[in-house]
Amino acid sequence: MPVLGGLDATRTIRSMNREDAKSIPIIAMSADAFSEDEKTAYSAGMNAQVTKPIIPKKLYQTCCDFLKAGN
């Protein structure tokens, strides 16, 4: 991302003084598929990670999991 990377953007969102900042789902989409990269994403406040190349079924399922959890 040109101005703010995904990890920093997530940290910024999670630190906002908004009611939904702590609960809005944030899903990483990254080519970094190592377990350490996934741990870094979770520690920044992301809820899930989908790796590239994207497998549509996995992406859709991940999104649906969080949409269902929000109801």
PDB file of N, CA and C in Angstrom:
ATOM      1  N   MET A   1       0.856  -1.161   0.000  1.00  0.00           N
ATOM      2  CA  MET A   1       0.000   0.000   0.000  1.00  0.00           C
ATOM      3  C   MET A   1       0.907   1.230   0.000  1.00  0.00           C
ATOM      4  N   PRO A   2       0.531   2.251  -0.712  1.00  0.00           N
ATOM      5  CA  PRO A   2       1.442   3.381  -0.912  1.00  0.00           C
ATOM      6  C   PRO A   2       1.780   4.194   0.342  1.00  0.00           C
ATOM      7  N   VAL A   3       0.870   4.389   1.235  1.00  0.00           N
ATOM      8  CA  VAL A   3       1.126   5.251   2.388  1.00  0.00           C
ATOM      9  C   VAL A   3       1.305   4.452   3.672  1.00  0.00           C
ATOM     10  N   LEU A   4       0.474   3.489   3.874  1.00  0.00           N
ATOM     11  CA  LEU A   4       0.470   2.734   5.122  1.00  0.00           C
ATOM     12  C   LEU A   4       0.333   1.250   4.797  1.00  0.00           C
ATOM     13  N   GLY A   5       1.229   0.428   5.322  1.00  0.00           N
ATOM     14  CA  GLY A   5       1.144  -1.009   5.103  1.00  0.00           C
ATOM     15  C   GLY A   5      -0.017  -1.614   5.869  1.00  0.00           C
ATOM     16  N   GLY A   6      -0.346  -2.841   5.542  1.00  0.00           N
ATOM     17  CA  GLY A   6      -1.485  -3.508   6.166  1.00  0.00           C
ATOM     18  C   GLY A   6      -1.358  -3.668   7.670  1.00  0.00           C
ATOM     19  N   LEU A   7      -0.159  -3.982   8.149  1.00  0.00           N
ATOM     20  CA  LEU A   7       0.037  -4.148   9.591  1.00  0.00           C
ATOM     21  C   LEU A   7      -0.158  -2.820  10.320  1.00  0.00           C
ATOM     22  N   ASP A   8       0.450  -1.758   9.767  1.00  0.00           N
ATOM     23  CA  ASP A   8       0.294  -0.443  10.396  1.00  0.00           C
ATOM     24  C   ASP A   8      -1.140   0.066  10.293  1.00  0.00           C
ATOM     25  N   ALA A   9      -1.788  -0.205   9.165  1.00  0.00           N
ATOM     26  CA  ALA A   9      -3.186   0.203   9.009  1.00  0.00           C
ATOM     27  C   ALA A   9      -4.062  -0.512  10.038  1.00  0.00           C
ATOM     28  N   THR A  10      -3.804  -1.791  10.253  1.00  0.00           N
ATOM     29  CA  THR A  10      -4.571  -2.552  11.241  1.00  0.00           C
ATOM     30  C   THR A  10      -4.355  -1.992  12.640  1.00  0.00           C
ATOM     31  N   ARG A  11      -3.110  -1.735  12.986  1.00  0.00           N
ATOM     32  CA  ARG A  11      -2.817  -1.161  14.312  1.00  0.00           C
ATOM     33  C   ARG A  11      -3.514   0.183  14.486  1.00  0.00           C
ATOM     34  N   THR A  12      -3.518   0.992  13.426  1.00  0.00           N
ATOM     35  CA  THR A  12      -4.175   2.301  13.484  1.00  0.00           C
ATOM     36  C   THR A  12      -5.676   2.146  13.695  1.00  0.00           C
ATOM     37  N   ILE A  13      -6.291   1.242  12.948  1.00  0.00           N
ATOM     38  CA  ILE A  13      -7.736   1.007  13.089  1.00  0.00           C
ATOM     39  C   ILE A  13      -8.056   0.517  14.501  1.00  0.00           C
ATOM     40  N   ARG A  14      -7.299  -0.449  14.977  1.00  0.00           N
ATOM     41  CA  ARG A  14      -7.568  -1.019  16.302  1.00  0.00           C
ATOM     42  C   ARG A  14      -7.389   0.000  17.423  1.00  0.00           C
ATOM     43  N   SER A  15      -6.566   1.014  17.208  1.00  0.00           N
ATOM     44  CA  SER A  15      -6.327   2.009  18.258  1.00  0.00           C
ATOM     45  C   SER A  15      -7.282   3.202  18.187  1.00  0.00           C
ATOM     46  N   MET A  16      -8.147   3.232  17.194  1.00  0.00           N
ATOM     47  CA  MET A  16      -9.082   4.357  17.039  1.00  0.00           C
ATOM     48  C   MET A  16     -10.097   4.379  18.172  1.00  0.00           C
ATOM     49  N   ASN A  17     -10.537   5.575  18.477  1.00  0.00           N
ATOM     50  CA  ASN A  17     -11.551   5.765  19.512  1.00  0.00           C
ATOM     51  C   ASN A  17     -12.941   5.699  18.868  1.00  0.00           C
ATOM     52  N   ARG A  18     -13.258   4.516  18.368  1.00  0.00           N
ATOM     53  CA  ARG A  18     -14.561   4.255  17.751  1.00  0.00           C
ATOM     54  C   ARG A  18     -15.098   2.955  18.318  1.00  0.00           C
ATOM     55  N   GLU A  19     -16.386   2.875  18.419  1.00  0.00           N
ATOM     56  CA  GLU A  19     -17.017   1.686  18.986  1.00  0.00           C
ATOM     57  C   GLU A  19     -16.696   0.417  18.199  1.00  0.00           C
ATOM     58  N   ASP A  20     -16.627   0.534  16.874  1.00  0.00           N
ATOM     59  CA  ASP A  20     -16.412  -0.648  16.041  1.00  0.00           C
ATOM     60  C   ASP A  20     -14.942  -0.955  15.754  1.00  0.00           C
ATOM     61  N   ALA A  21     -14.031  -0.127  16.197  1.00  0.00           N
ATOM     62  CA  ALA A  21     -12.608  -0.293  15.873  1.00  0.00           C
ATOM     63  C   ALA A  21     -12.014  -1.591  16.404  1.00  0.00           C
ATOM     64  N   LYS A  22     -12.519  -2.067  17.499  1.00  0.00           N
ATOM     65  CA  LYS A  22     -11.982  -3.293  18.093  1.00  0.00           C
ATOM     66  C   LYS A  22     -12.617  -4.559  17.512  1.00  0.00           C
ATOM     67  N   SER A  23     -13.783  -4.421  16.894  1.00  0.00           N
ATOM     68  CA  SER A  23     -14.511  -5.616  16.475  1.00  0.00           C
ATOM     69  C   SER A  23     -14.652  -5.793  14.964  1.00  0.00           C
ATOM     70  N   ILE A  24     -14.386  -4.764  14.184  1.00  0.00           N
ATOM     71  CA  ILE A  24     -14.538  -4.902  12.732  1.00  0.00           C
ATOM     72  C   ILE A  24     -13.546  -5.943  12.205  1.00  0.00           C
ATOM     73  N   PRO A  25     -13.997  -6.874  11.397  1.00  0.00           N
ATOM     74  CA  PRO A  25     -13.080  -7.903  10.898  1.00  0.00           C
ATOM     75  C   PRO A  25     -12.040  -7.319   9.939  1.00  0.00           C
ATOM     76  N   ILE A  26     -10.806  -7.713  10.124  1.00  0.00           N
ATOM     77  CA  ILE A  26      -9.726  -7.332   9.213  1.00  0.00           C
ATOM     78  C   ILE A  26      -9.059  -8.624   8.767  1.00  0.00           C
ATOM     79  N   ILE A  27      -9.089  -8.865   7.465  1.00  0.00           N
ATOM     80  CA  ILE A  27      -8.539 -10.083   6.892  1.00  0.00           C
ATOM     81  C   ILE A  27      -7.342  -9.719   6.024  1.00  0.00           C
ATOM     82  N   ALA A  28      -6.189 -10.272   6.350  1.00  0.00           N
ATOM     83  CA  ALA A  28      -4.978 -10.032   5.574  1.00  0.00           C
ATOM     84  C   ALA A  28      -5.021 -10.847   4.293  1.00  0.00           C
ATOM     85  N   MET A  29      -4.511 -10.245   3.218  1.00  0.00           N
ATOM     86  CA  MET A  29      -4.348 -10.953   1.956  1.00  0.00           C
ATOM     87  C   MET A  29      -2.885 -10.765   1.582  1.00  0.00           C
ATOM     88  N   SER A  30      -2.114 -11.836   1.649  1.00  0.00           N
ATOM     89  CA  SER A  30      -0.673 -11.705   1.520  1.00  0.00           C
ATOM     90  C   SER A  30      -0.055 -12.902   0.815  1.00  0.00           C
ATOM     91  N   ALA A  31       1.075 -12.657   0.179  1.00  0.00           N
ATOM     92  CA  ALA A  31       1.844 -13.745  -0.421  1.00  0.00           C
ATOM     93  C   ALA A  31       2.749 -14.399   0.625  1.00  0.00           C
ATOM     94  N   ASP A  32       2.875 -13.765   1.792  1.00  0.00           N
ATOM     95  CA  ASP A  32       3.694 -14.316   2.871  1.00  0.00           C
ATOM     96  C   ASP A  32       2.921 -15.414   3.582  1.00  0.00           C
ATOM     97  N   ALA A  33       3.317 -16.648   3.339  1.00  0.00           N
ATOM     98  CA  ALA A  33       2.548 -17.779   3.847  1.00  0.00           C
ATOM     99  C   ALA A  33       3.226 -18.513   4.998  1.00  0.00           C
ATOM    100  N   PHE A  34       4.305 -17.957   5.520  1.00  0.00           N
ATOM    101  CA  PHE A  34       4.986 -18.613   6.632  1.00  0.00           C
ATOM    102  C   PHE A  34       4.222 -18.396   7.927  1.00  0.00           C
ATOM    103  N   SER A  35       4.343 -19.335   8.850  1.00  0.00           N
ATOM    104  CA  SER A  35       3.606 -19.230  10.115  1.00  0.00           C
ATOM    105  C   SER A  35       4.000 -17.977  10.883  1.00  0.00           C
ATOM    106  N   GLU A  36       5.245 -17.554  10.778  1.00  0.00           N
ATOM    107  CA  GLU A  36       5.683 -16.334  11.467  1.00  0.00           C
ATOM    108  C   GLU A  36       4.962 -15.097  10.919  1.00  0.00           C
ATOM    109  N   ASP A  37       4.718 -15.064   9.606  1.00  0.00           N
ATOM    110  CA  ASP A  37       3.983 -13.954   8.990  1.00  0.00           C
ATOM    111  C   ASP A  37       2.539 -13.923   9.484  1.00  0.00           C
ATOM    112  N   GLU A  38       1.957 -15.095   9.618  1.00  0.00           N
ATOM    113  CA  GLU A  38       0.583 -15.180  10.120  1.00  0.00           C
ATOM    114  C   GLU A  38       0.515 -14.711  11.579  1.00  0.00           C
ATOM    115  N   LYS A  39       1.483 -15.105  12.377  1.00  0.00           N
ATOM    116  CA  LYS A  39       1.528 -14.660  13.777  1.00  0.00           C
ATOM    117  C   LYS A  39       1.670 -13.145  13.858  1.00  0.00           C
ATOM    118  N   THR A  40       2.484 -12.574  12.980  1.00  0.00           N
ATOM    119  CA  THR A  40       2.665 -11.119  12.954  1.00  0.00           C
ATOM    120  C   THR A  40       1.350 -10.428  12.613  1.00  0.00           C
ATOM    121  N   ALA A  41       0.619 -10.977  11.654  1.00  0.00           N
ATOM    122  CA  ALA A  41      -0.675 -10.394  11.271  1.00  0.00           C
ATOM    123  C   ALA A  41      -1.653 -10.439  12.441  1.00  0.00           C
ATOM    124  N   TYR A  42      -1.703 -11.575  13.130  1.00  0.00           N
ATOM    125  CA  TYR A  42      -2.611 -11.699  14.273  1.00  0.00           C
ATOM    126  C   TYR A  42      -2.198 -10.771  15.411  1.00  0.00           C
ATOM    127  N   SER A  43      -0.921 -10.641  15.641  1.00  0.00           N
ATOM    128  CA  SER A  43      -0.470  -9.777  16.738  1.00  0.00           C
ATOM    129  C   SER A  43      -0.729  -8.306  16.430  1.00  0.00           C
ATOM    130  N   ALA A  44      -0.851  -7.955  15.158  1.00  0.00           N
ATOM    131  CA  ALA A  44      -1.180  -6.580  14.781  1.00  0.00           C
ATOM    132  C   ALA A  44      -2.671  -6.300  14.956  1.00  0.00           C
ATOM    133  N   GLY A  45      -3.476  -7.375  15.105  1.00  0.00           N
ATOM    134  CA  GLY A  45      -4.907  -7.197  15.306  1.00  0.00           C
ATOM    135  C   GLY A  45      -5.779  -7.730  14.195  1.00  0.00           C
ATOM    136  N   MET A  46      -5.175  -8.373  13.209  1.00  0.00           N
ATOM    137  CA  MET A  46      -5.970  -8.955  12.125  1.00  0.00           C
ATOM    138  C   MET A  46      -6.677 -10.202  12.633  1.00  0.00           C
ATOM    139  N   ASN A  47      -7.807 -10.499  12.016  1.00  0.00           N
ATOM    140  CA  ASN A  47      -8.607 -11.645  12.434  1.00  0.00           C
ATOM    141  C   ASN A  47      -8.284 -12.924  11.676  1.00  0.00           C
ATOM    142  N   ALA A  48      -7.802 -12.780  10.449  1.00  0.00           N
ATOM    143  CA  ALA A  48      -7.509 -13.947   9.619  1.00  0.00           C
ATOM    144  C   ALA A  48      -6.528 -13.537   8.534  1.00  0.00           C
ATOM    145  N   GLN A  49      -5.982 -14.550   7.870  1.00  0.00           N
ATOM    146  CA  GLN A  49      -5.074 -14.300   6.752  1.00  0.00           C
ATOM    147  C   GLN A  49      -5.388 -15.267   5.631  1.00  0.00           C
ATOM    148  N   VAL A  50      -5.478 -14.745   4.429  1.00  0.00           N
ATOM    149  CA  VAL A  50      -5.673 -15.538   3.226  1.00  0.00           C
ATOM    150  C   VAL A  50      -4.432 -15.312   2.371  1.00  0.00           C
ATOM    151  N   THR A  51      -3.811 -16.401   1.938  1.00  0.00           N
ATOM    152  CA  THR A  51      -2.569 -16.267   1.187  1.00  0.00           C
ATOM    153  C   THR A  51      -2.797 -16.287  -0.323  1.00  0.00           C
ATOM    154  N   LYS A  52      -1.872 -15.647  -1.010  1.00  0.00           N
ATOM    155  CA  LYS A  52      -1.867 -15.639  -2.469  1.00  0.00           C
ATOM    156  C   LYS A  52      -1.012 -16.797  -2.946  1.00  0.00           C
ATOM    157  N   PRO A  53      -1.318 -17.396  -4.078  1.00  0.00           N
ATOM    158  CA  PRO A  53      -2.437 -17.049  -4.937  1.00  0.00           C
ATOM    159  C   PRO A  53      -3.763 -17.383  -4.256  1.00  0.00           C
ATOM    160  N   ILE A  54      -4.717 -16.545  -4.490  1.00  0.00           N
ATOM    161  CA  ILE A  54      -6.013 -16.667  -3.827  1.00  0.00           C
ATOM    162  C   ILE A  54      -6.745 -17.912  -4.323  1.00  0.00           C
ATOM    163  N   ILE A  55      -7.262 -18.645  -3.379  1.00  0.00           N
ATOM    164  CA  ILE A  55      -8.161 -19.759  -3.674  1.00  0.00           C
ATOM    165  C   ILE A  55      -9.560 -19.228  -3.358  1.00  0.00           C
ATOM    166  N   PRO A  56     -10.348 -18.942  -4.400  1.00  0.00           N
ATOM    167  CA  PRO A  56     -11.642 -18.287  -4.182  1.00  0.00           C
ATOM    168  C   PRO A  56     -12.493 -18.927  -3.091  1.00  0.00           C
ATOM    169  N   LYS A  57     -12.586 -20.245  -3.064  1.00  0.00           N
ATOM    170  CA  LYS A  57     -13.427 -20.910  -2.067  1.00  0.00           C
ATOM    171  C   LYS A  57     -12.968 -20.576  -0.644  1.00  0.00           C
ATOM    172  N   LYS A  58     -11.644 -20.560  -0.420  1.00  0.00           N
ATOM    173  CA  LYS A  58     -11.113 -20.230   0.900  1.00  0.00           C
ATOM    174  C   LYS A  58     -11.388 -18.764   1.253  1.00  0.00           C
ATOM    175  N   LEU A  59     -11.213 -17.875   0.289  1.00  0.00           N
ATOM    176  CA  LEU A  59     -11.491 -16.458   0.522  1.00  0.00           C
ATOM    177  C   LEU A  59     -12.961 -16.252   0.867  1.00  0.00           C
ATOM    178  N   TYR A  60     -13.853 -16.842   0.092  1.00  0.00           N
ATOM    179  CA  TYR A  60     -15.290 -16.702   0.341  1.00  0.00           C
ATOM    180  C   TYR A  60     -15.672 -17.274   1.705  1.00  0.00           C
ATOM    181  N   GLN A  61     -15.112 -18.430   2.039  1.00  0.00           N
ATOM    182  CA  GLN A  61     -15.433 -19.049   3.320  1.00  0.00           C
ATOM    183  C   GLN A  61     -14.951 -18.183   4.487  1.00  0.00           C
ATOM    184  N   THR A  62     -13.759 -17.632   4.359  1.00  0.00           N
ATOM    185  CA  THR A  62     -13.215 -16.768   5.410  1.00  0.00           C
ATOM    186  C   THR A  62     -14.105 -15.541   5.595  1.00  0.00           C
ATOM    187  N   CYS A  63     -14.500 -14.916   4.502  1.00  0.00           N
ATOM    188  CA  CYS A  63     -15.390 -13.748   4.595  1.00  0.00           C
ATOM    189  C   CYS A  63     -16.734 -14.139   5.204  1.00  0.00           C
ATOM    190  N   CYS A  64     -17.293 -15.246   4.771  1.00  0.00           N
ATOM    191  CA  CYS A  64     -18.582 -15.697   5.310  1.00  0.00           C
ATOM    192  C   CYS A  64     -18.501 -16.001   6.797  1.00  0.00           C
ATOM    193  N   ASP A  65     -17.381 -16.569   7.241  1.00  0.00           N
ATOM    194  CA  ASP A  65     -17.216 -16.859   8.666  1.00  0.00           C
ATOM    195  C   ASP A  65     -17.359 -15.601   9.488  1.00  0.00           C
ATOM    196  N   PHE A  66     -16.777 -14.514   9.021  1.00  0.00           N
ATOM    197  CA  PHE A  66     -16.842 -13.262   9.783  1.00  0.00           C
ATOM    198  C   PHE A  66     -18.165 -12.544   9.598  1.00  0.00           C
ATOM    199  N   LEU A  67     -18.793 -12.695   8.449  1.00  0.00           N
ATOM    200  CA  LEU A  67     -20.111 -12.094   8.255  1.00  0.00           C
ATOM    201  C   LEU A  67     -21.140 -12.774   9.160  1.00  0.00           C
ATOM    202  N   LYS A  68     -21.057 -14.089   9.291  1.00  0.00           N
ATOM    203  CA  LYS A  68     -21.964 -14.832  10.177  1.00  0.00           C
ATOM    204  C   LYS A  68     -21.728 -14.477  11.623  1.00  0.00           C
ATOM    205  N   ALA A  69     -20.468 -14.292  11.989  1.00  0.00           N
ATOM    206  CA  ALA A  69     -20.127 -13.979  13.393  1.00  0.00           C
ATOM    207  C   ALA A  69     -20.665 -12.610  13.787  1.00  0.00           C
ATOM    208  N   GLY A  70     -20.813 -11.712  12.814  1.00  0.00           N
ATOM    209  CA  GLY A  70     -21.286 -10.362  13.111  1.00  0.00           C
ATOM    210  C   GLY A  70     -22.782 -10.254  13.290  1.00  0.00           C
ATOM    211  N   ASN A  71     -23.512 -11.301  12.930  1.00  0.00           N
ATOM    212  CA  ASN A  71     -24.987 -11.250  13.048  1.00  0.00           C
ATOM    213  C   ASN A  71     -25.439 -11.586  14.439  1.00  0.00           C
TER     214      ASN A  71
END
